[in-house]
Amino acid sequence: MPIVLQRIYEDPQPDGYRVLVDRVWPRGISKATANLDDWAKDVTPSPNLRKWFNHDPEKFDQFKKEYKKELLEDQSKIMKLLELKEIQEKQNLILLYAAKDKEHNHVLVLKEVLENYQQ
């Protein structure tokens, strides 16, 4: 099944398992409005990496390498990846995020890792 990326501020699109993949709760969104199935803080970039990147497009390539390394070397992140991969095999997986930049954010990296992840 496909992995769909969507800003949490946009109207919900397809049906599926809705997962917020931001470490910090998005401003102005209530838990009822979010209509989440999960809040996967475990697969977000570490606070140090997130702060270093600071959504700077010029740092995206290096951020991508470091974030992939974090995802594939941290046991708690690997466990959550496996859980999300299992869900994705059964239904649409909707990864929700708050970042304004749709081309330079961690969700793109997470989607790529999930699509290529093999145990």
C-alpha atoms as a PDB file:
ATOM      1  CA  MET A   1       0.000   0.000   0.000  1.00  0.00           C
ATOM      2  CA  PRO A   2       1.212   3.532  -0.604  1.00  0.00           C
ATOM      3  CA  ILE A   3       2.829   5.918   1.838  1.00  0.00           C
ATOM      4  CA  VAL A   4       1.196   9.335   1.667  1.00  0.00           C
ATOM      5  CA  LEU A   5       2.855  12.504   2.941  1.00  0.00           C
ATOM      6  CA  GLN A   6       0.588  15.289   4.142  1.00  0.00           C
ATOM      7  CA  ARG A   7       0.884  18.493   6.140  1.00  0.00           C
ATOM      8  CA  ILE A   8      -1.276  18.197   9.219  1.00  0.00           C
ATOM      9  CA  TYR A   9      -2.750  21.622   8.432  1.00  0.00           C
ATOM     10  CA  GLU A  10      -4.284  20.376   5.156  1.00  0.00           C
ATOM     11  CA  ASP A  11      -7.678  18.722   4.879  1.00  0.00           C
ATOM     12  CA  PRO A  12      -7.398  14.937   5.232  1.00  0.00           C
ATOM     13  CA  GLN A  13      -7.125  13.231   1.863  1.00  0.00           C
ATOM     14  CA  PRO A  14      -7.128   9.453   1.548  1.00  0.00           C
ATOM     15  CA  ASP A  15      -8.268   6.944   4.094  1.00  0.00           C
ATOM     16  CA  GLY A  16      -5.535   5.206   5.973  1.00  0.00           C
ATOM     17  CA  TYR A  17      -3.506   4.961   9.143  1.00  0.00           C
ATOM     18  CA  ARG A  18      -2.702   8.544  10.201  1.00  0.00           C
ATOM     19  CA  VAL A  19       0.639   9.019  11.975  1.00  0.00           C
ATOM     20  CA  LEU A  20       2.103  12.299  13.174  1.00  0.00           C
ATOM     21  CA  VAL A  21       5.874  12.072  12.694  1.00  0.00           C
ATOM     22  CA  ASP A  22       6.953  15.285  14.429  1.00  0.00           C
ATOM     23  CA  ARG A  23       8.603  15.394  17.843  1.00  0.00           C
ATOM     24  CA  VAL A  24       6.697  18.562  18.812  1.00  0.00           C
ATOM     25  CA  TRP A  25       2.903  18.823  18.658  1.00  0.00           C
ATOM     26  CA  PRO A  26       1.854  21.187  15.815  1.00  0.00           C
ATOM     27  CA  ARG A  27       0.604  24.615  16.840  1.00  0.00           C
ATOM     28  CA  GLY A  28      -3.090  25.307  16.511  1.00  0.00           C
ATOM     29  CA  ILE A  29      -4.113  21.671  16.026  1.00  0.00           C
ATOM     30  CA  SER A  30      -6.249  19.960  18.635  1.00  0.00           C
ATOM     31  CA  LYS A  31      -5.970  16.243  19.220  1.00  0.00           C
ATOM     32  CA  ALA A  32      -9.574  15.844  18.041  1.00  0.00           C
ATOM     33  CA  THR A  33      -8.880  17.756  14.821  1.00  0.00           C
ATOM     34  CA  ALA A  34      -5.722  15.770  14.146  1.00  0.00           C
ATOM     35  CA  ASN A  35      -7.677  12.505  14.137  1.00  0.00           C
ATOM     36  CA  LEU A  36      -4.512  10.437  14.618  1.00  0.00           C
ATOM     37  CA  ASP A  37      -3.981   6.733  14.914  1.00  0.00           C
ATOM     38  CA  ASP A  38      -0.462   7.254  16.277  1.00  0.00           C
ATOM     39  CA  TRP A  39       2.101   9.888  17.207  1.00  0.00           C
ATOM     40  CA  ALA A  40       5.455   8.370  16.257  1.00  0.00           C
ATOM     41  CA  LYS A  41       8.004  10.522  18.072  1.00  0.00           C
ATOM     42  CA  ASP A  42      10.387   7.550  18.000  1.00  0.00           C
ATOM     43  CA  VAL A  43      11.194   7.977  14.310  1.00  0.00           C
ATOM     44  CA  THR A  44      11.815  11.720  14.356  1.00  0.00           C
ATOM     45  CA  PRO A  45      15.296  13.227  14.076  1.00  0.00           C
ATOM     46  CA  SER A  46      17.187  13.685  17.324  1.00  0.00           C
ATOM     47  CA  PRO A  47      16.822  17.140  18.897  1.00  0.00           C
ATOM     48  CA  ASN A  48      20.452  17.979  18.072  1.00  0.00           C
ATOM     49  CA  LEU A  49      20.082  17.008  14.410  1.00  0.00           C
ATOM     50  CA  ARG A  50      16.754  18.814  14.098  1.00  0.00           C
ATOM     51  CA  LYS A  51      18.188  22.006  15.601  1.00  0.00           C
ATOM     52  CA  TRP A  52      21.314  21.831  13.448  1.00  0.00           C
ATOM     53  CA  PHE A  53      19.283  21.373  10.253  1.00  0.00           C
ATOM     54  CA  ASN A  54      16.753  24.093  11.140  1.00  0.00           C
ATOM     55  CA  HIS A  55      14.994  23.545   7.769  1.00  0.00           C
ATOM     56  CA  ASP A  56      17.951  25.008   5.857  1.00  0.00           C
ATOM     57  CA  PRO A  57      17.737  23.663   2.276  1.00  0.00           C
ATOM     58  CA  GLU A  58      21.512  23.970   1.886  1.00  0.00           C
ATOM     59  CA  LYS A  59      21.999  21.495   4.757  1.00  0.00           C
ATOM     60  CA  PHE A  60      19.420  19.002   3.493  1.00  0.00           C
ATOM     61  CA  ASP A  61      21.815  16.536   1.834  1.00  0.00           C
ATOM     62  CA  GLN A  62      23.942  16.236   4.980  1.00  0.00           C
ATOM     63  CA  PHE A  63      20.807  16.140   7.159  1.00  0.00           C
ATOM     64  CA  LYS A  64      19.448  13.295   5.037  1.00  0.00           C
ATOM     65  CA  LYS A  65      22.613  11.228   5.542  1.00  0.00           C
ATOM     66  CA  GLU A  66      22.665  11.822   9.297  1.00  0.00           C
ATOM     67  CA  TYR A  67      18.957  11.155   9.744  1.00  0.00           C
ATOM     68  CA  LYS A  68      19.135   7.895   7.786  1.00  0.00           C
ATOM     69  CA  LYS A  69      22.029   6.865  10.003  1.00  0.00           C
ATOM     70  CA  GLU A  70      19.942   7.629  13.102  1.00  0.00           C
ATOM     71  CA  LEU A  71      16.957   5.692  11.754  1.00  0.00           C
ATOM     72  CA  LEU A  72      18.967   2.594  10.935  1.00  0.00           C
ATOM     73  CA  GLU A  73      21.231   2.490  13.994  1.00  0.00           C
ATOM     74  CA  ASP A  74      18.879   3.321  16.880  1.00  0.00           C
ATOM     75  CA  GLN A  75      17.015   0.262  18.182  1.00  0.00           C
ATOM     76  CA  SER A  76      13.870   2.183  19.222  1.00  0.00           C
ATOM     77  CA  LYS A  77      13.703   3.800  15.776  1.00  0.00           C
ATOM     78  CA  ILE A  78      14.157   0.418  14.071  1.00  0.00           C
ATOM     79  CA  MET A  79      11.329  -1.077  16.136  1.00  0.00           C
ATOM     80  CA  LYS A  80       8.992   1.760  15.132  1.00  0.00           C
ATOM     81  CA  LEU A  81      10.058   1.451  11.478  1.00  0.00           C
ATOM     82  CA  LEU A  82       9.119  -2.233  11.577  1.00  0.00           C
ATOM     83  CA  GLU A  83       5.753  -1.393  13.113  1.00  0.00           C
ATOM     84  CA  LEU A  84       5.016   1.261  10.466  1.00  0.00           C
ATOM     85  CA  LYS A  85       6.178  -1.051   7.681  1.00  0.00           C
ATOM     86  CA  GLU A  86       3.777  -3.745   8.914  1.00  0.00           C
ATOM     87  CA  ILE A  87       0.897  -1.252   8.940  1.00  0.00           C
ATOM     88  CA  GLN A  88       1.810  -0.054   5.458  1.00  0.00           C
ATOM     89  CA  GLU A  89       1.559  -3.590   4.121  1.00  0.00           C
ATOM     90  CA  LYS A  90      -2.114  -3.682   5.164  1.00  0.00           C
ATOM     91  CA  GLN A  91      -3.370  -0.148   4.481  1.00  0.00           C
ATOM     92  CA  ASN A  92      -2.403   3.339   3.332  1.00  0.00           C
ATOM     93  CA  LEU A  93       0.128   4.881   5.690  1.00  0.00           C
ATOM     94  CA  ILE A  94      -0.313   8.642   6.015  1.00  0.00           C
ATOM     95  CA  LEU A  95       2.719  10.415   7.466  1.00  0.00           C
ATOM     96  CA  LEU A  96       1.668  13.777   8.850  1.00  0.00           C
ATOM     97  CA  TYR A  97       4.049  16.641   9.520  1.00  0.00           C
ATOM     98  CA  ALA A  98       3.913  20.382  10.227  1.00  0.00           C
ATOM     99  CA  ALA A  99       6.884  21.765   8.248  1.00  0.00           C
ATOM    100  CA  LYS A 100       6.057  24.351   5.594  1.00  0.00           C
ATOM    101  CA  ASP A 101       8.832  23.244   3.233  1.00  0.00           C
ATOM    102  CA  LYS A 102       7.532  20.192   1.396  1.00  0.00           C
ATOM    103  CA  GLU A 103      10.842  19.544  -0.394  1.00  0.00           C
ATOM    104  CA  HIS A 104      13.352  19.704   2.464  1.00  0.00           C
ATOM    105  CA  ASN A 105      12.030  17.931   5.529  1.00  0.00           C
ATOM    106  CA  HIS A 106      12.536  14.751   7.514  1.00  0.00           C
ATOM    107  CA  VAL A 107       9.325  13.118   6.309  1.00  0.00           C
ATOM    108  CA  LEU A 108      10.753  12.718   2.805  1.00  0.00           C
ATOM    109  CA  VAL A 109      13.711  10.850   4.279  1.00  0.00           C
ATOM    110  CA  LEU A 110      11.484   8.733   6.504  1.00  0.00           C
ATOM    111  CA  LYS A 111       9.303   7.762   3.547  1.00  0.00           C
ATOM    112  CA  GLU A 112      12.359   6.769   1.504  1.00  0.00           C
ATOM    113  CA  VAL A 113      13.710   4.642   4.346  1.00  0.00           C
ATOM    114  CA  LEU A 114      10.334   2.952   4.890  1.00  0.00           C
ATOM    115  CA  GLU A 115       9.923   2.183   1.187  1.00  0.00           C
ATOM    116  CA  ASN A 116      13.390   0.612   0.989  1.00  0.00           C
ATOM    117  CA  TYR A 117      13.588  -0.969   4.454  1.00  0.00           C
ATOM    118  CA  GLN A 118      14.180  -4.698   4.621  1.00  0.00           C
ATOM    119  CA  GLN A 119      14.846  -6.689   7.770  1.00  0.00           C
END
